[in-house]
Amino acid sequence: MTSVETFAFLEPWFDRLVRSLDLAMILEHVRRLEPMAFARHFKGFRPQTLGRRRVGDALRLEVFQKKNVAVGDILVLLWNQEHRDLYHAMLEHVKTINEDVEAVERIEDDKAKAFVEDLRGRFDPADLLLCVRLNEVRFSPEMIATLERDAGGGVEVAAAATPRDD
């Protein structure tokens, strides 16, 4: 599954994801790795004058309308770096099933519930959902649906959890 296909499941949480990332880091990666997207949205602007809303809207357009896989991959990479504690905690849990995490085809619901219960005390439910979806953790559709319910649909949680910098 490509990053753009993954983001299709995460549209309600997209703003939360972008808000958790450093704007300068996003712009630098897009400038270097996807210069056409950079030119389309950000060329001629000083990075400090671009607000979070403008950057988020541009990234949303690239990912959801233009299906720009490179921009999607950049966002996944930066999210995993920014939330490395959660990423590594989930990785350690999955490694208890098989050291070669790529070989794991399915995580049984009882194991998945144990993973989530352990991580829920340390991490926000919306971030747990983002981690599972962005990294294609092999939870069952039912378990992912439970995470989505816990995450609250993204909009209210994202607005309450992160300050706006428009």
N, C-alpha and C. Protein backbone atom coordinates (compact mmCIF):
# COMPACT_ATOMS: atom_id res chain seq x y z
N MET A 1 0.85 -1.17 0.00
CA MET A 1 0.00 0.00 0.00
C MET A 1 0.90 1.25 0.00
N THR A 2 0.60 2.20 -0.87
CA THR A 2 1.39 3.43 -0.91
C THR A 2 0.97 4.37 0.22
N SER A 3 1.79 5.35 0.46
CA SER A 3 1.48 6.32 1.52
C SER A 3 0.18 7.07 1.21
N VAL A 4 -0.07 7.36 -0.05
CA VAL A 4 -1.29 8.07 -0.43
C VAL A 4 -2.51 7.21 -0.14
N GLU A 5 -2.43 5.92 -0.43
CA GLU A 5 -3.53 5.00 -0.11
C GLU A 5 -3.75 4.93 1.40
N THR A 6 -2.68 4.95 2.15
CA THR A 6 -2.78 4.93 3.61
C THR A 6 -3.44 6.21 4.12
N PHE A 7 -3.06 7.34 3.55
CA PHE A 7 -3.64 8.62 3.99
C PHE A 7 -5.13 8.70 3.71
N ALA A 8 -5.62 7.96 2.74
CA ALA A 8 -7.05 7.95 2.45
C ALA A 8 -7.85 7.53 3.69
N PHE A 9 -7.27 6.66 4.52
CA PHE A 9 -7.91 6.22 5.75
C PHE A 9 -7.76 7.24 6.88
N LEU A 10 -6.83 8.16 6.72
CA LEU A 10 -6.48 9.08 7.81
C LEU A 10 -6.88 10.53 7.55
N GLU A 11 -7.74 10.75 6.58
CA GLU A 11 -8.10 12.13 6.24
C GLU A 11 -8.60 12.94 7.44
N PRO A 12 -9.46 12.38 8.31
CA PRO A 12 -9.92 13.18 9.45
C PRO A 12 -8.79 13.57 10.42
N TRP A 13 -7.70 12.84 10.40
CA TRP A 13 -6.57 13.09 11.31
C TRP A 13 -5.40 13.78 10.60
N PHE A 14 -5.58 14.16 9.35
CA PHE A 14 -4.48 14.73 8.56
C PHE A 14 -3.95 16.02 9.18
N ASP A 15 -4.85 16.93 9.58
CA ASP A 15 -4.40 18.20 10.17
C ASP A 15 -3.62 17.95 11.46
N ARG A 16 -4.07 17.01 12.26
CA ARG A 16 -3.35 16.67 13.49
C ARG A 16 -1.94 16.19 13.16
N LEU A 17 -1.83 15.34 12.16
CA LEU A 17 -0.54 14.81 11.75
C LEU A 17 0.39 15.95 11.33
N VAL A 18 -0.09 16.84 10.47
CA VAL A 18 0.75 17.94 9.97
C VAL A 18 1.12 18.88 11.11
N ARG A 19 0.19 19.16 12.00
CA ARG A 19 0.47 20.08 13.12
C ARG A 19 1.52 19.55 14.07
N SER A 20 1.69 18.25 14.12
CA SER A 20 2.68 17.68 15.03
C SER A 20 4.10 17.76 14.47
N LEU A 21 4.23 18.17 13.20
CA LEU A 21 5.53 18.20 12.55
C LEU A 21 6.10 19.62 12.49
N ASP A 22 7.40 19.72 12.45
CA ASP A 22 8.10 20.99 12.34
C ASP A 22 7.95 21.52 10.91
N LEU A 23 7.42 22.74 10.78
CA LEU A 23 7.19 23.32 9.45
C LEU A 23 8.46 23.45 8.63
N ALA A 24 9.53 23.92 9.26
CA ALA A 24 10.78 24.09 8.52
C ALA A 24 11.28 22.76 7.98
N MET A 25 11.12 21.71 8.76
CA MET A 25 11.56 20.38 8.34
C MET A 25 10.71 19.88 7.16
N ILE A 26 9.40 20.11 7.23
CA ILE A 26 8.53 19.72 6.12
C ILE A 26 8.96 20.44 4.85
N LEU A 27 9.10 21.76 4.95
CA LEU A 27 9.45 22.56 3.77
C LEU A 27 10.80 22.16 3.19
N GLU A 28 11.76 21.90 4.03
CA GLU A 28 13.09 21.50 3.56
C GLU A 28 13.03 20.17 2.82
N HIS A 29 12.32 19.21 3.37
CA HIS A 29 12.21 17.91 2.71
C HIS A 29 11.44 18.00 1.39
N VAL A 30 10.37 18.76 1.38
CA VAL A 30 9.60 18.92 0.14
C VAL A 30 10.47 19.64 -0.90
N ARG A 31 11.20 20.66 -0.48
CA ARG A 31 12.07 21.40 -1.41
C ARG A 31 13.10 20.48 -2.05
N ARG A 32 13.69 19.61 -1.25
CA ARG A 32 14.75 18.74 -1.76
C ARG A 32 14.23 17.52 -2.52
N LEU A 33 13.16 16.93 -2.02
CA LEU A 33 12.71 15.66 -2.57
C LEU A 33 11.56 15.75 -3.57
N GLU A 34 10.82 16.86 -3.53
CA GLU A 34 9.69 17.03 -4.46
C GLU A 34 9.65 18.49 -4.90
N PRO A 35 10.67 18.91 -5.69
CA PRO A 35 10.79 20.33 -6.05
C PRO A 35 9.60 20.90 -6.82
N MET A 36 8.90 20.08 -7.59
CA MET A 36 7.73 20.58 -8.32
C MET A 36 6.62 20.98 -7.35
N ALA A 37 6.39 20.17 -6.34
CA ALA A 37 5.37 20.51 -5.33
C ALA A 37 5.80 21.75 -4.56
N PHE A 38 7.08 21.85 -4.27
CA PHE A 38 7.59 23.02 -3.56
C PHE A 38 7.35 24.28 -4.39
N ALA A 39 7.68 24.20 -5.67
CA ALA A 39 7.50 25.37 -6.55
C ALA A 39 6.03 25.72 -6.69
N ARG A 40 5.18 24.73 -6.74
CA ARG A 40 3.74 24.96 -6.89
C ARG A 40 3.14 25.72 -5.71
N HIS A 41 3.63 25.46 -4.51
CA HIS A 41 2.97 26.00 -3.32
C HIS A 41 3.81 27.00 -2.50
N PHE A 42 5.12 26.86 -2.52
CA PHE A 42 5.92 27.61 -1.54
C PHE A 42 7.00 28.50 -2.14
N LYS A 43 7.29 28.37 -3.42
CA LYS A 43 8.37 29.14 -4.02
C LYS A 43 8.03 30.63 -3.95
N GLY A 44 9.02 31.43 -3.57
CA GLY A 44 8.84 32.86 -3.48
C GLY A 44 8.38 33.34 -2.11
N PHE A 45 8.08 32.42 -1.22
CA PHE A 45 7.67 32.78 0.14
C PHE A 45 8.81 32.50 1.11
N ARG A 46 8.94 33.36 2.09
CA ARG A 46 9.88 33.07 3.17
C ARG A 46 9.25 32.02 4.07
N PRO A 47 10.02 31.05 4.49
CA PRO A 47 9.45 29.98 5.33
C PRO A 47 8.73 30.51 6.57
N GLN A 48 9.25 31.58 7.16
CA GLN A 48 8.64 32.11 8.38
C GLN A 48 7.31 32.82 8.11
N THR A 49 7.03 33.16 6.85
CA THR A 49 5.76 33.82 6.54
C THR A 49 4.66 32.83 6.15
N LEU A 50 5.05 31.59 5.90
CA LEU A 50 4.06 30.57 5.57
C LEU A 50 3.41 30.07 6.87
N GLY A 51 2.15 30.21 6.99
CA GLY A 51 1.46 29.74 8.18
C GLY A 51 1.19 28.25 8.10
N ARG A 52 0.88 27.68 9.24
CA ARG A 52 0.58 26.26 9.31
C ARG A 52 -0.63 25.89 8.44
N ARG A 53 -1.60 26.77 8.40
CA ARG A 53 -2.79 26.49 7.59
C ARG A 53 -2.44 26.40 6.11
N ARG A 54 -1.65 27.34 5.62
CA ARG A 54 -1.27 27.33 4.19
C ARG A 54 -0.47 26.07 3.86
N VAL A 55 0.48 25.72 4.71
CA VAL A 55 1.29 24.53 4.47
C VAL A 55 0.39 23.28 4.53
N GLY A 56 -0.47 23.21 5.52
CA GLY A 56 -1.37 22.06 5.65
C GLY A 56 -2.29 21.92 4.46
N ASP A 57 -2.84 23.04 3.99
CA ASP A 57 -3.73 23.00 2.82
C ASP A 57 -2.97 22.53 1.57
N ALA A 58 -1.75 23.01 1.41
CA ALA A 58 -0.94 22.60 0.26
C ALA A 58 -0.62 21.11 0.32
N LEU A 59 -0.26 20.62 1.50
CA LEU A 59 0.05 19.20 1.65
C LEU A 59 -1.19 18.35 1.43
N ARG A 60 -2.33 18.82 1.93
CA ARG A 60 -3.60 18.10 1.74
C ARG A 60 -3.90 17.98 0.24
N LEU A 61 -3.71 19.07 -0.51
CA LEU A 61 -3.95 19.04 -1.95
C LEU A 61 -3.01 18.04 -2.64
N GLU A 62 -1.75 18.07 -2.26
CA GLU A 62 -0.76 17.16 -2.87
C GLU A 62 -1.09 15.70 -2.59
N VAL A 63 -1.47 15.40 -1.36
CA VAL A 63 -1.70 14.01 -0.98
C VAL A 63 -3.05 13.50 -1.48
N PHE A 64 -4.11 14.27 -1.25
CA PHE A 64 -5.45 13.76 -1.53
C PHE A 64 -5.95 14.02 -2.95
N GLN A 65 -5.54 15.12 -3.55
CA GLN A 65 -6.03 15.40 -4.91
C GLN A 65 -5.02 15.00 -5.98
N LYS A 66 -3.76 15.37 -5.78
CA LYS A 66 -2.75 15.06 -6.78
C LYS A 66 -2.15 13.66 -6.60
N LYS A 67 -2.48 13.02 -5.47
CA LYS A 67 -1.99 11.66 -5.17
C LYS A 67 -0.46 11.60 -5.25
N ASN A 68 0.20 12.60 -4.67
CA ASN A 68 1.64 12.72 -4.71
C ASN A 68 2.26 11.80 -3.65
N VAL A 69 2.76 10.66 -4.10
CA VAL A 69 3.31 9.65 -3.20
C VAL A 69 4.56 10.16 -2.50
N ALA A 70 5.39 10.94 -3.19
CA ALA A 70 6.61 11.47 -2.58
C ALA A 70 6.28 12.34 -1.37
N VAL A 71 5.30 13.20 -1.48
CA VAL A 71 4.90 14.05 -0.35
C VAL A 71 4.33 13.18 0.77
N GLY A 72 3.53 12.18 0.41
CA GLY A 72 3.01 11.25 1.42
C GLY A 72 4.13 10.54 2.15
N ASP A 73 5.14 10.08 1.40
CA ASP A 73 6.28 9.39 2.02
C ASP A 73 7.05 10.33 2.94
N ILE A 74 7.20 11.58 2.54
CA ILE A 74 7.88 12.57 3.40
C ILE A 74 7.14 12.72 4.71
N LEU A 75 5.82 12.83 4.64
CA LEU A 75 5.02 13.01 5.86
C LEU A 75 5.12 11.79 6.77
N VAL A 76 5.11 10.58 6.19
CA VAL A 76 5.25 9.37 7.01
C VAL A 76 6.61 9.36 7.69
N LEU A 77 7.66 9.65 6.93
CA LEU A 77 9.01 9.67 7.47
C LEU A 77 9.13 10.68 8.62
N LEU A 78 8.66 11.89 8.38
CA LEU A 78 8.78 12.93 9.40
C LEU A 78 7.91 12.61 10.62
N TRP A 79 6.72 12.03 10.41
CA TRP A 79 5.87 11.67 11.54
C TRP A 79 6.57 10.61 12.40
N ASN A 80 7.16 9.60 11.76
CA ASN A 80 7.85 8.55 12.51
C ASN A 80 9.05 9.11 13.27
N GLN A 81 9.73 10.09 12.69
CA GLN A 81 10.86 10.71 13.39
C GLN A 81 10.38 11.53 14.58
N GLU A 82 9.33 12.31 14.37
CA GLU A 82 8.81 13.17 15.43
C GLU A 82 8.23 12.35 16.58
N HIS A 83 7.62 11.23 16.25
CA HIS A 83 6.96 10.38 17.25
C HIS A 83 7.74 9.08 17.44
N ARG A 84 9.07 9.22 17.48
CA ARG A 84 9.92 8.03 17.55
C ARG A 84 9.69 7.18 18.78
N ASP A 85 9.30 7.80 19.91
CA ASP A 85 9.04 7.02 21.11
C ASP A 85 7.89 6.03 20.87
N LEU A 86 6.82 6.51 20.30
CA LEU A 86 5.68 5.64 19.98
C LEU A 86 6.07 4.63 18.91
N TYR A 87 6.74 5.07 17.88
CA TYR A 87 7.16 4.17 16.80
C TYR A 87 8.00 3.02 17.34
N HIS A 88 8.98 3.33 18.16
CA HIS A 88 9.86 2.29 18.71
C HIS A 88 9.14 1.40 19.72
N ALA A 89 8.23 1.98 20.49
CA ALA A 89 7.46 1.17 21.43
C ALA A 89 6.60 0.16 20.68
N MET A 90 5.94 0.60 19.61
CA MET A 90 5.13 -0.31 18.80
C MET A 90 6.02 -1.36 18.14
N LEU A 91 7.16 -0.94 17.64
CA LEU A 91 8.09 -1.86 17.00
C LEU A 91 8.52 -2.96 17.98
N GLU A 92 8.82 -2.58 19.21
CA GLU A 92 9.22 -3.57 20.21
C GLU A 92 8.10 -4.56 20.49
N HIS A 93 6.87 -4.09 20.55
CA HIS A 93 5.74 -5.00 20.75
C HIS A 93 5.61 -5.98 19.58
N VAL A 94 5.72 -5.48 18.36
CA VAL A 94 5.57 -6.35 17.19
C VAL A 94 6.73 -7.35 17.12
N LYS A 95 7.91 -6.94 17.56
CA LYS A 95 9.07 -7.84 17.56
C LYS A 95 8.87 -9.02 18.51
N THR A 96 7.97 -8.89 19.48
CA THR A 96 7.72 -10.03 20.37
C THR A 96 7.02 -11.16 19.62
N ILE A 97 6.40 -10.85 18.50
CA ILE A 97 5.76 -11.88 17.67
C ILE A 97 6.79 -12.51 16.73
N ASN A 98 7.58 -11.64 16.08
CA ASN A 98 8.61 -12.11 15.15
C ASN A 98 9.64 -10.99 15.03
N GLU A 99 10.90 -11.33 15.19
CA GLU A 99 11.97 -10.33 15.07
C GLU A 99 11.95 -9.65 13.71
N ASP A 100 11.59 -10.39 12.68
CA ASP A 100 11.46 -9.83 11.34
C ASP A 100 10.03 -9.29 11.21
N VAL A 101 9.84 -8.02 11.57
CA VAL A 101 8.50 -7.45 11.62
C VAL A 101 7.81 -7.45 10.26
N GLU A 102 8.57 -7.40 9.19
CA GLU A 102 7.99 -7.43 7.85
C GLU A 102 7.33 -8.78 7.56
N ALA A 103 7.77 -9.82 8.24
CA ALA A 103 7.22 -11.16 8.03
C ALA A 103 5.90 -11.38 8.77
N VAL A 104 5.57 -10.49 9.70
CA VAL A 104 4.32 -10.62 10.45
C VAL A 104 3.17 -10.34 9.50
N GLU A 105 2.30 -11.33 9.34
CA GLU A 105 1.17 -11.17 8.43
C GLU A 105 -0.10 -10.69 9.13
N ARG A 106 -0.22 -11.06 10.41
CA ARG A 106 -1.43 -10.69 11.15
C ARG A 106 -1.11 -10.68 12.63
N ILE A 107 -1.66 -9.72 13.33
CA ILE A 107 -1.53 -9.68 14.78
C ILE A 107 -2.91 -9.99 15.36
N GLU A 108 -2.98 -11.05 16.11
CA GLU A 108 -4.25 -11.47 16.69
C GLU A 108 -4.80 -10.38 17.60
N ASP A 109 -6.14 -10.32 17.69
CA ASP A 109 -6.79 -9.26 18.46
C ASP A 109 -6.38 -9.23 19.92
N ASP A 110 -6.19 -10.40 20.54
CA ASP A 110 -5.79 -10.40 21.95
C ASP A 110 -4.42 -9.76 22.14
N LYS A 111 -3.49 -10.06 21.23
CA LYS A 111 -2.16 -9.42 21.29
C LYS A 111 -2.27 -7.93 20.99
N ALA A 112 -3.05 -7.59 19.97
CA ALA A 112 -3.22 -6.18 19.60
C ALA A 112 -3.81 -5.39 20.77
N LYS A 113 -4.80 -5.96 21.45
CA LYS A 113 -5.40 -5.29 22.61
C LYS A 113 -4.38 -5.08 23.71
N ALA A 114 -3.53 -6.08 23.93
CA ALA A 114 -2.48 -5.94 24.94
C ALA A 114 -1.49 -4.84 24.56
N PHE A 115 -1.12 -4.78 23.27
CA PHE A 115 -0.21 -3.73 22.80
C PHE A 115 -0.84 -2.35 23.05
N VAL A 116 -2.09 -2.21 22.64
CA VAL A 116 -2.78 -0.92 22.75
C VAL A 116 -2.95 -0.52 24.20
N GLU A 117 -3.32 -1.47 25.05
CA GLU A 117 -3.50 -1.15 26.47
C GLU A 117 -2.20 -0.65 27.09
N ASP A 118 -1.10 -1.30 26.73
CA ASP A 118 0.20 -0.85 27.25
C ASP A 118 0.55 0.54 26.75
N LEU A 119 0.32 0.79 25.48
CA LEU A 119 0.71 2.07 24.88
C LEU A 119 -0.25 3.20 25.20
N ARG A 120 -1.52 2.87 25.45
CA ARG A 120 -2.54 3.89 25.71
C ARG A 120 -2.20 4.74 26.93
N GLY A 121 -1.55 4.17 27.90
CA GLY A 121 -1.18 4.93 29.09
C GLY A 121 -0.12 5.99 28.83
N ARG A 122 0.65 5.80 27.76
CA ARG A 122 1.75 6.73 27.46
C ARG A 122 1.50 7.62 26.25
N PHE A 123 0.58 7.22 25.37
CA PHE A 123 0.39 7.94 24.12
C PHE A 123 -1.08 8.22 23.85
N ASP A 124 -1.34 9.27 23.13
CA ASP A 124 -2.69 9.67 22.76
C ASP A 124 -3.30 8.64 21.81
N PRO A 125 -4.60 8.34 21.96
CA PRO A 125 -5.24 7.37 21.07
C PRO A 125 -5.15 7.73 19.58
N ALA A 126 -5.24 9.01 19.25
CA ALA A 126 -5.12 9.42 17.85
C ALA A 126 -3.72 9.12 17.33
N ASP A 127 -2.71 9.32 18.15
CA ASP A 127 -1.34 9.00 17.72
C ASP A 127 -1.15 7.49 17.55
N LEU A 128 -1.80 6.70 18.41
CA LEU A 128 -1.74 5.24 18.25
C LEU A 128 -2.32 4.83 16.90
N LEU A 129 -3.46 5.41 16.56
CA LEU A 129 -4.09 5.12 15.27
C LEU A 129 -3.16 5.52 14.12
N LEU A 130 -2.60 6.72 14.19
CA LEU A 130 -1.69 7.18 13.14
C LEU A 130 -0.50 6.23 12.99
N CYS A 131 0.06 5.80 14.11
CA CYS A 131 1.20 4.88 14.06
C CYS A 131 0.81 3.56 13.39
N VAL A 132 -0.33 3.02 13.77
CA VAL A 132 -0.77 1.75 13.21
C VAL A 132 -1.02 1.88 11.70
N ARG A 133 -1.72 2.92 11.30
CA ARG A 133 -2.03 3.10 9.87
C ARG A 133 -0.80 3.45 9.05
N LEU A 134 0.00 4.42 9.50
CA LEU A 134 1.15 4.88 8.71
C LEU A 134 2.20 3.78 8.53
N ASN A 135 2.32 2.91 9.52
CA ASN A 135 3.34 1.87 9.46
C ASN A 135 2.77 0.50 9.11
N GLU A 136 1.49 0.47 8.74
CA GLU A 136 0.83 -0.75 8.31
C GLU A 136 1.01 -1.89 9.29
N VAL A 137 0.80 -1.58 10.58
CA VAL A 137 0.83 -2.61 11.60
C VAL A 137 -0.34 -3.54 11.31
N ARG A 138 -0.12 -4.82 11.36
CA ARG A 138 -1.08 -5.82 10.88
C ARG A 138 -2.19 -6.14 11.87
N PHE A 139 -2.88 -5.10 12.36
CA PHE A 139 -4.04 -5.30 13.22
C PHE A 139 -5.24 -5.67 12.35
N SER A 140 -6.21 -6.33 12.96
CA SER A 140 -7.44 -6.68 12.23
C SER A 140 -8.25 -5.42 11.96
N PRO A 141 -9.12 -5.45 10.95
CA PRO A 141 -9.98 -4.29 10.68
C PRO A 141 -10.84 -3.91 11.90
N GLU A 142 -11.27 -4.89 12.66
CA GLU A 142 -12.06 -4.60 13.87
C GLU A 142 -11.24 -3.83 14.90
N MET A 143 -9.99 -4.23 15.06
CA MET A 143 -9.11 -3.55 16.04
C MET A 143 -8.82 -2.12 15.56
N ILE A 144 -8.62 -1.94 14.28
CA ILE A 144 -8.38 -0.60 13.74
C ILE A 144 -9.62 0.27 13.91
N ALA A 145 -10.80 -0.33 13.71
CA ALA A 145 -12.05 0.41 13.92
C ALA A 145 -12.18 0.86 15.37
N THR A 146 -11.74 0.02 16.30
CA THR A 146 -11.74 0.39 17.72
C THR A 146 -10.81 1.57 17.97
N LEU A 147 -9.63 1.52 17.36
CA LEU A 147 -8.68 2.64 17.49
C LEU A 147 -9.27 3.92 16.91
N GLU A 148 -9.97 3.81 15.79
CA GLU A 148 -10.59 4.99 15.18
C GLU A 148 -11.65 5.59 16.10
N ARG A 149 -12.44 4.74 16.73
CA ARG A 149 -13.45 5.24 17.69
C ARG A 149 -12.77 5.93 18.87
N ASP A 150 -11.70 5.30 19.37
CA ASP A 150 -10.97 5.88 20.51
C ASP A 150 -10.34 7.22 20.13
N ALA A 151 -9.91 7.35 18.87
CA ALA A 151 -9.26 8.58 18.41
C ALA A 151 -10.25 9.71 18.20
N GLY A 152 -11.52 9.41 18.15
CA GLY A 152 -12.54 10.45 18.13
C GLY A 152 -12.77 11.15 16.81
N GLY A 153 -12.41 10.56 15.71
CA GLY A 153 -12.71 11.18 14.42
C GLY A 153 -11.72 12.24 13.99
N GLY A 154 -10.73 12.54 14.81
CA GLY A 154 -9.67 13.44 14.40
C GLY A 154 -9.92 14.90 14.62
N VAL A 155 -11.04 15.43 14.20
CA VAL A 155 -11.24 16.88 14.17
C VAL A 155 -11.26 17.46 15.57
N GLU A 156 -12.11 16.95 16.43
CA GLU A 156 -12.22 17.52 17.79
C GLU A 156 -10.93 17.29 18.58
N VAL A 157 -10.38 16.08 18.45
CA VAL A 157 -9.17 15.74 19.18
C VAL A 157 -8.01 16.61 18.72
N ALA A 158 -7.86 16.78 17.41
CA ALA A 158 -6.75 17.57 16.89
C ALA A 158 -6.86 19.01 17.32
N ALA A 159 -8.06 19.56 17.29
CA ALA A 159 -8.25 20.97 17.67
C ALA A 159 -7.96 21.17 19.14
N ALA A 160 -8.34 20.24 19.96
CA ALA A 160 -8.15 20.38 21.40
C ALA A 160 -6.72 20.05 21.83
N ALA A 161 -6.07 19.16 21.09
CA ALA A 161 -4.77 18.66 21.53
C ALA A 161 -3.59 19.52 21.10
N THR A 162 -3.74 20.28 20.02
CA THR A 162 -2.61 21.05 19.53
C THR A 162 -3.00 22.50 19.31
N PRO A 163 -2.13 23.41 19.70
CA PRO A 163 -2.43 24.83 19.48
C PRO A 163 -2.34 25.16 17.99
N ARG A 164 -3.11 26.10 17.56
CA ARG A 164 -3.11 26.52 16.16
C ARG A 164 -2.10 27.63 15.95
N ASP A 165 -1.41 27.57 14.83
CA ASP A 165 -0.45 28.59 14.47
C ASP A 165 -0.78 29.05 13.05
N ASP A 166 -1.83 29.85 12.94
CA ASP A 166 -2.30 30.26 11.61
C ASP A 166 -1.62 31.52 11.24
